[in-house]
């Protein structure tokens, strides 16, 4: 952790793990992050942003406002 390497746990949204446990950017999740930021910057509420996004690729469920807060 002190060296900046991945220390375990769930990877941050927008990243996934490879077979060796190294972090890799996840293009599908990164695209959702870009959309969420654009929606929020345009003045949409967190609930509106969550409703406008496609389902979460990790779970297949719709996002909720608290997930948007953590993502952004």
PDB file of N, CA and C in Angstrom:
ATOM      1  N   UNK A   1       0.828  -1.188   0.000  1.00  0.00           N
ATOM      2  CA  UNK A   1       0.000   0.000   0.000  1.00  0.00           C
ATOM      3  C   UNK A   1       0.874   1.254   0.000  1.00  0.00           C
ATOM      4  N   UNK A   2       1.921   1.261   0.773  1.00  0.00           N
ATOM      5  CA  UNK A   2       2.793   2.427   0.858  1.00  0.00           C
ATOM      6  C   UNK A   2       3.464   2.729  -0.479  1.00  0.00           C
ATOM      7  N   UNK A   3       3.662   1.707  -1.300  1.00  0.00           N
ATOM      8  CA  UNK A   3       4.310   1.910  -2.589  1.00  0.00           C
ATOM      9  C   UNK A   3       3.316   2.293  -3.686  1.00  0.00           C
ATOM     10  N   UNK A   4       2.016   2.370  -3.328  1.00  0.00           N
ATOM     11  CA  UNK A   4       1.014   2.749  -4.304  1.00  0.00           C
ATOM     12  C   UNK A   4       0.412   1.563  -5.047  1.00  0.00           C
ATOM     13  N   UNK A   5       0.774   0.346  -4.660  1.00  0.00           N
ATOM     14  CA  UNK A   5       0.257  -0.848  -5.317  1.00  0.00           C
ATOM     15  C   UNK A   5      -1.130  -1.193  -4.764  1.00  0.00           C
ATOM     16  N   UNK A   6      -1.897  -1.948  -5.512  1.00  0.00           N
ATOM     17  CA  UNK A   6      -3.213  -2.385  -5.096  1.00  0.00           C
ATOM     18  C   UNK A   6      -3.074  -3.259  -3.854  1.00  0.00           C
ATOM     19  N   UNK A   7      -3.881  -2.967  -2.830  1.00  0.00           N
ATOM     20  CA  UNK A   7      -3.736  -3.657  -1.546  1.00  0.00           C
ATOM     21  C   UNK A   7      -4.842  -4.672  -1.271  1.00  0.00           C
ATOM     22  N   UNK A   8      -5.783  -4.836  -2.174  1.00  0.00           N
ATOM     23  CA  UNK A   8      -6.838  -5.823  -1.991  1.00  0.00           C
ATOM     24  C   UNK A   8      -8.203  -5.181  -1.832  1.00  0.00           C
ATOM     25  N   UNK A   9      -9.218  -5.998  -1.687  1.00  0.00           N
ATOM     26  CA  UNK A   9     -10.591  -5.529  -1.579  1.00  0.00           C
ATOM     27  C   UNK A   9     -11.214  -5.363  -2.956  1.00  0.00           C
ATOM     28  N   UNK A  10     -12.430  -4.792  -2.966  1.00  0.00           N
ATOM     29  CA  UNK A  10     -13.105  -4.548  -4.237  1.00  0.00           C
ATOM     30  C   UNK A  10     -12.398  -3.433  -4.985  1.00  0.00           C
ATOM     31  N   UNK A  11     -12.119  -3.615  -6.271  1.00  0.00           N
ATOM     32  CA  UNK A  11     -11.491  -2.535  -7.034  1.00  0.00           C
ATOM     33  C   UNK A  11     -12.442  -1.353  -7.178  1.00  0.00           C
ATOM     34  N   UNK A  12     -11.880  -0.175  -7.244  1.00  0.00           N
ATOM     35  CA  UNK A  12     -12.646   1.046  -7.449  1.00  0.00           C
ATOM     36  C   UNK A  12     -13.437   0.930  -8.748  1.00  0.00           C
ATOM     37  N   UNK A  13     -14.634   1.554  -8.785  1.00  0.00           N
ATOM     38  CA  UNK A  13     -15.443   1.498  -9.986  1.00  0.00           C
ATOM     39  C   UNK A  13     -14.673   2.107 -11.146  1.00  0.00           C
ATOM     40  N   UNK A  14     -14.634   1.393 -12.260  1.00  0.00           N
ATOM     41  CA  UNK A  14     -13.868   1.833 -13.430  1.00  0.00           C
ATOM     42  C   UNK A  14     -12.612   1.007 -13.615  1.00  0.00           C
ATOM     43  N   UNK A  15     -12.353   0.124 -12.663  1.00  0.00           N
ATOM     44  CA  UNK A  15     -11.184  -0.751 -12.722  1.00  0.00           C
ATOM     45  C   UNK A  15     -11.599  -2.182 -12.440  1.00  0.00           C
ATOM     46  N   UNK A  16     -10.823  -3.124 -12.930  1.00  0.00           N
ATOM     47  CA  UNK A  16     -11.023  -4.538 -12.633  1.00  0.00           C
ATOM     48  C   UNK A  16      -9.660  -5.177 -12.414  1.00  0.00           C
ATOM     49  N   UNK A  17      -9.671  -6.415 -12.004  1.00  0.00           N
ATOM     50  CA  UNK A  17      -8.429  -7.133 -11.729  1.00  0.00           C
ATOM     51  C   UNK A  17      -8.134  -8.134 -12.836  1.00  0.00           C
ATOM     52  N   UNK A  18      -6.863  -8.274 -13.168  1.00  0.00           N
ATOM     53  CA  UNK A  18      -6.473  -9.320 -14.106  1.00  0.00           C
ATOM     54  C   UNK A  18      -6.187 -10.600 -13.316  1.00  0.00           C
ATOM     55  N   UNK A  19      -5.732 -11.639 -13.996  1.00  0.00           N
ATOM     56  CA  UNK A  19      -5.484 -12.937 -13.365  1.00  0.00           C
ATOM     57  C   UNK A  19      -4.422 -12.865 -12.274  1.00  0.00           C
ATOM     58  N   UNK A  20      -3.489 -11.924 -12.403  1.00  0.00           N
ATOM     59  CA  UNK A  20      -2.398 -11.797 -11.436  1.00  0.00           C
ATOM     60  C   UNK A  20      -2.736 -10.849 -10.286  1.00  0.00           C
ATOM     61  N   UNK A  21      -3.951 -10.282 -10.295  1.00  0.00           N
ATOM     62  CA  UNK A  21      -4.351  -9.372  -9.231  1.00  0.00           C
ATOM     63  C   UNK A  21      -3.941  -7.933  -9.453  1.00  0.00           C
ATOM     64  N   UNK A  22      -3.566  -7.587 -10.673  1.00  0.00           N
ATOM     65  CA  UNK A  22      -3.192  -6.209 -10.999  1.00  0.00           C
ATOM     66  C   UNK A  22      -4.416  -5.440 -11.475  1.00  0.00           C
ATOM     67  N   UNK A  23      -4.482  -4.153 -11.153  1.00  0.00           N
ATOM     68  CA  UNK A  23      -5.592  -3.321 -11.584  1.00  0.00           C
ATOM     69  C   UNK A  23      -5.474  -2.967 -13.059  1.00  0.00           C
ATOM     70  N   UNK A  24      -6.596  -3.068 -13.757  1.00  0.00           N
ATOM     71  CA  UNK A  24      -6.691  -2.676 -15.159  1.00  0.00           C
ATOM     72  C   UNK A  24      -7.905  -1.767 -15.314  1.00  0.00           C
ATOM     73  N   UNK A  25      -7.822  -0.800 -16.210  1.00  0.00           N
ATOM     74  CA  UNK A  25      -8.986   0.033 -16.488  1.00  0.00           C
ATOM     75  C   UNK A  25     -10.058  -0.810 -17.167  1.00  0.00           C
ATOM     76  N   UNK A  26     -11.296  -0.613 -16.761  1.00  0.00           N
ATOM     77  CA  UNK A  26     -12.432  -1.300 -17.343  1.00  0.00           C
ATOM     78  C   UNK A  26     -13.152  -0.295 -18.239  1.00  0.00           C
ATOM     79  N   UNK A  27     -13.073  -0.477 -19.538  1.00  0.00           N
ATOM     80  CA  UNK A  27     -13.592   0.507 -20.497  1.00  0.00           C
ATOM     81  C   UNK A  27     -15.099   0.717 -20.352  1.00  0.00           C
ATOM     82  N   UNK A  28     -15.852  -0.339 -20.130  1.00  0.00           N
ATOM     83  CA  UNK A  28     -17.307  -0.226 -20.006  1.00  0.00           C
ATOM     84  C   UNK A  28     -17.681   0.615 -18.775  1.00  0.00           C
ATOM     85  N   UNK A  29     -17.036   0.336 -17.652  1.00  0.00           N
ATOM     86  CA  UNK A  29     -17.316   1.094 -16.436  1.00  0.00           C
ATOM     87  C   UNK A  29     -16.812   2.534 -16.550  1.00  0.00           C
ATOM     88  N   UNK A  30     -15.662   2.739 -17.189  1.00  0.00           N
ATOM     89  CA  UNK A  30     -15.135   4.094 -17.368  1.00  0.00           C
ATOM     90  C   UNK A  30     -16.088   4.939 -18.210  1.00  0.00           C
ATOM     91  N   UNK A  31     -16.715   4.338 -19.219  1.00  0.00           N
ATOM     92  CA  UNK A  31     -17.678   5.064 -20.048  1.00  0.00           C
ATOM     93  C   UNK A  31     -18.887   5.492 -19.216  1.00  0.00           C
ATOM     94  N   UNK A  32     -19.330   4.644 -18.301  1.00  0.00           N
ATOM     95  CA  UNK A  32     -20.448   4.984 -17.425  1.00  0.00           C
ATOM     96  C   UNK A  32     -20.050   6.125 -16.494  1.00  0.00           C
ATOM     97  N   UNK A  33     -18.813   6.115 -15.998  1.00  0.00           N
ATOM     98  CA  UNK A  33     -18.326   7.199 -15.150  1.00  0.00           C
ATOM     99  C   UNK A  33     -18.333   8.533 -15.899  1.00  0.00           C
ATOM    100  N   UNK A  34     -17.907   8.521 -17.144  1.00  0.00           N
ATOM    101  CA  UNK A  34     -17.896   9.746 -17.960  1.00  0.00           C
ATOM    102  C   UNK A  34     -19.318  10.265 -18.128  1.00  0.00           C
ATOM    103  N   UNK A  35     -20.260   9.358 -18.415  1.00  0.00           N
ATOM    104  CA  UNK A  35     -21.661   9.754 -18.554  1.00  0.00           C
ATOM    105  C   UNK A  35     -22.187  10.351 -17.253  1.00  0.00           C
ATOM    106  N   UNK A  36     -21.911   9.694 -16.138  1.00  0.00           N
ATOM    107  CA  UNK A  36     -22.408  10.157 -14.834  1.00  0.00           C
ATOM    108  C   UNK A  36     -21.871  11.551 -14.514  1.00  0.00           C
ATOM    109  N   UNK A  37     -20.593  11.774 -14.768  1.00  0.00           N
ATOM    110  CA  UNK A  37     -20.007  13.093 -14.506  1.00  0.00           C
ATOM    111  C   UNK A  37     -20.652  14.166 -15.380  1.00  0.00           C
ATOM    112  N   UNK A  38     -20.876  13.835 -16.648  1.00  0.00           N
ATOM    113  CA  UNK A  38     -21.492  14.799 -17.567  1.00  0.00           C
ATOM    114  C   UNK A  38     -22.916  15.133 -17.124  1.00  0.00           C
ATOM    115  N   UNK A  39     -23.680  14.120 -16.731  1.00  0.00           N
ATOM    116  CA  UNK A  39     -25.040  14.356 -16.263  1.00  0.00           C
ATOM    117  C   UNK A  39     -25.036  15.233 -15.016  1.00  0.00           C
ATOM    118  N   UNK A  40     -24.156  14.951 -14.070  1.00  0.00           N
ATOM    119  CA  UNK A  40     -24.100  15.711 -12.821  1.00  0.00           C
ATOM    120  C   UNK A  40     -23.666  17.151 -13.079  1.00  0.00           C
ATOM    121  N   UNK A  41     -22.700  17.346 -13.967  1.00  0.00           N
ATOM    122  CA  UNK A  41     -22.232  18.697 -14.287  1.00  0.00           C
ATOM    123  C   UNK A  41     -23.296  19.511 -15.018  1.00  0.00           C
ATOM    124  N   UNK A  42     -24.214  18.825 -15.694  1.00  0.00           N
ATOM    125  CA  UNK A  42     -25.290  19.536 -16.380  1.00  0.00           C
ATOM    126  C   UNK A  42     -26.398  19.951 -15.420  1.00  0.00           C
ATOM    127  N   UNK A  43     -26.276  19.567 -14.142  1.00  0.00           N
ATOM    128  CA  UNK A  43     -27.237  20.003 -13.141  1.00  0.00           C
ATOM    129  C   UNK A  43     -28.257  18.963 -12.724  1.00  0.00           C
ATOM    130  N   UNK A  44     -28.132  17.749 -13.200  1.00  0.00           N
ATOM    131  CA  UNK A  44     -29.087  16.705 -12.826  1.00  0.00           C
ATOM    132  C   UNK A  44     -28.885  16.300 -11.367  1.00  0.00           C
ATOM    133  N   UNK A  45     -29.972  15.891 -10.725  1.00  0.00           N
ATOM    134  CA  UNK A  45     -29.882  15.390  -9.353  1.00  0.00           C
ATOM    135  C   UNK A  45     -29.254  13.996  -9.374  1.00  0.00           C
ATOM    136  N   UNK A  46     -28.810  13.555  -8.214  1.00  0.00           N
ATOM    137  CA  UNK A  46     -28.192  12.229  -8.126  1.00  0.00           C
ATOM    138  C   UNK A  46     -29.170  11.130  -8.520  1.00  0.00           C
ATOM    139  N   UNK A  47     -30.423  11.266  -8.115  1.00  0.00           N
ATOM    140  CA  UNK A  47     -31.431  10.260  -8.491  1.00  0.00           C
ATOM    141  C   UNK A  47     -31.675  10.250  -9.995  1.00  0.00           C
ATOM    142  N   UNK A  48     -31.678  11.432 -10.590  1.00  0.00           N
ATOM    143  CA  UNK A  48     -31.873  11.524 -12.043  1.00  0.00           C
ATOM    144  C   UNK A  48     -30.693  10.914 -12.787  1.00  0.00           C
ATOM    145  N   UNK A  49     -29.497  11.161 -12.288  1.00  0.00           N
ATOM    146  CA  UNK A  49     -28.301  10.570 -12.901  1.00  0.00           C
ATOM    147  C   UNK A  49     -28.381   9.053 -12.824  1.00  0.00           C
ATOM    148  N   UNK A  50     -28.737   8.528 -11.650  1.00  0.00           N
ATOM    149  CA  UNK A  50     -28.834   7.077 -11.469  1.00  0.00           C
ATOM    150  C   UNK A  50     -29.862   6.469 -12.421  1.00  0.00           C
ATOM    151  N   UNK A  51     -30.987   7.147 -12.608  1.00  0.00           N
ATOM    152  CA  UNK A  51     -32.040   6.639 -13.482  1.00  0.00           C
ATOM    153  C   UNK A  51     -31.640   6.702 -14.953  1.00  0.00           C
ATOM    154  N   UNK A  52     -30.805   7.676 -15.320  1.00  0.00           N
ATOM    155  CA  UNK A  52     -30.429   7.864 -16.725  1.00  0.00           C
ATOM    156  C   UNK A  52     -29.319   6.911 -17.180  1.00  0.00           C
ATOM    157  N   UNK A  53     -28.583   6.347 -16.231  1.00  0.00           N
ATOM    158  CA  UNK A  53     -27.467   5.468 -16.597  1.00  0.00           C
ATOM    159  C   UNK A  53     -27.958   4.066 -16.936  1.00  0.00           C
ATOM    160  N   UNK A  54     -27.190   3.336 -17.765  1.00  0.00           N
ATOM    161  CA  UNK A  54     -27.527   1.937 -18.011  1.00  0.00           C
ATOM    162  C   UNK A  54     -27.298   1.123 -16.738  1.00  0.00           C
ATOM    163  N   UNK A  55     -27.798  -0.104 -16.679  1.00  0.00           N
ATOM    164  CA  UNK A  55     -27.586  -0.929 -15.481  1.00  0.00           C
ATOM    165  C   UNK A  55     -26.095  -1.123 -15.178  1.00  0.00           C
ATOM    166  N   UNK A  56     -25.803  -1.290 -13.908  1.00  0.00           N
ATOM    167  CA  UNK A  56     -24.437  -1.520 -13.453  1.00  0.00           C
ATOM    168  C   UNK A  56     -23.919  -2.831 -14.046  1.00  0.00           C
ATOM    169  N   UNK A  57     -22.817  -2.805 -14.799  1.00  0.00           N
ATOM    170  CA  UNK A  57     -22.306  -4.033 -15.409  1.00  0.00           C
ATOM    171  C   UNK A  57     -21.839  -5.076 -14.387  1.00  0.00           C
ATOM    172  N   UNK A  58     -21.496  -4.645 -13.187  1.00  0.00           N
ATOM    173  CA  UNK A  58     -21.044  -5.594 -12.166  1.00  0.00           C
ATOM    174  C   UNK A  58     -22.191  -6.413 -11.598  1.00  0.00           C
ATOM    175  N   UNK A  59     -23.367  -5.795 -11.474  1.00  0.00           N
ATOM    176  CA  UNK A  59     -24.490  -6.473 -10.825  1.00  0.00           C
ATOM    177  C   UNK A  59     -25.685  -6.686 -11.737  1.00  0.00           C
ATOM    178  N   UNK A  60     -25.799  -5.904 -12.794  1.00  0.00           N
ATOM    179  CA  UNK A  60     -26.956  -5.980 -13.672  1.00  0.00           C
ATOM    180  C   UNK A  60     -28.151  -5.203 -13.144  1.00  0.00           C
ATOM    181  N   UNK A  61     -27.980  -4.514 -12.016  1.00  0.00           N
ATOM    182  CA  UNK A  61     -29.067  -3.755 -11.410  1.00  0.00           C
ATOM    183  C   UNK A  61     -28.889  -2.267 -11.713  1.00  0.00           C
ATOM    184  N   UNK A  62     -29.985  -1.515 -11.535  1.00  0.00           N
ATOM    185  CA  UNK A  62     -29.904  -0.073 -11.736  1.00  0.00           C
ATOM    186  C   UNK A  62     -29.124   0.554 -10.590  1.00  0.00           C
ATOM    187  N   UNK A  63     -28.488   1.677 -10.875  1.00  0.00           N
ATOM    188  CA  UNK A  63     -27.744   2.401  -9.853  1.00  0.00           C
ATOM    189  C   UNK A  63     -28.720   3.105  -8.917  1.00  0.00           C
ATOM    190  N   UNK A  64     -28.243   3.429  -7.707  1.00  0.00           N
ATOM    191  CA  UNK A  64     -29.006   4.303  -6.824  1.00  0.00           C
ATOM    192  C   UNK A  64     -28.144   5.525  -6.516  1.00  0.00           C
ATOM    193  N   UNK A  65     -28.759   6.529  -5.906  1.00  0.00           N
ATOM    194  CA  UNK A  65     -28.074   7.811  -5.685  1.00  0.00           C
ATOM    195  C   UNK A  65     -26.818   7.664  -4.848  1.00  0.00           C
ATOM    196  N   UNK A  66     -26.831   6.785  -3.848  1.00  0.00           N
ATOM    197  CA  UNK A  66     -25.646   6.637  -2.991  1.00  0.00           C
ATOM    198  C   UNK A  66     -24.467   6.042  -3.763  1.00  0.00           C
ATOM    199  N   UNK A  67     -24.755   5.190  -4.731  1.00  0.00           N
ATOM    200  CA  UNK A  67     -23.668   4.649  -5.565  1.00  0.00           C
ATOM    201  C   UNK A  67     -23.071   5.747  -6.434  1.00  0.00           C
ATOM    202  N   UNK A  68     -23.905   6.652  -6.923  1.00  0.00           N
ATOM    203  CA  UNK A  68     -23.407   7.741  -7.762  1.00  0.00           C
ATOM    204  C   UNK A  68     -22.475   8.629  -6.941  1.00  0.00           C
ATOM    205  N   UNK A  69     -22.836   8.921  -5.702  1.00  0.00           N
ATOM    206  CA  UNK A  69     -21.987   9.727  -4.830  1.00  0.00           C
ATOM    207  C   UNK A  69     -20.620   9.066  -4.676  1.00  0.00           C
ATOM    208  N   UNK A  70     -20.584   7.764  -4.417  1.00  0.00           N
ATOM    209  CA  UNK A  70     -19.316   7.062  -4.234  1.00  0.00           C
ATOM    210  C   UNK A  70     -18.502   7.006  -5.523  1.00  0.00           C
ATOM    211  N   UNK A  71     -19.180   6.886  -6.657  1.00  0.00           N
ATOM    212  CA  UNK A  71     -18.475   6.813  -7.936  1.00  0.00           C
ATOM    213  C   UNK A  71     -17.818   8.140  -8.300  1.00  0.00           C
ATOM    214  N   UNK A  72     -18.527   9.222  -8.028  1.00  0.00           N
ATOM    215  CA  UNK A  72     -18.021  10.523  -8.437  1.00  0.00           C
ATOM    216  C   UNK A  72     -17.060  11.051  -7.414  1.00  0.00           C
TER     217      UNK A  72
END
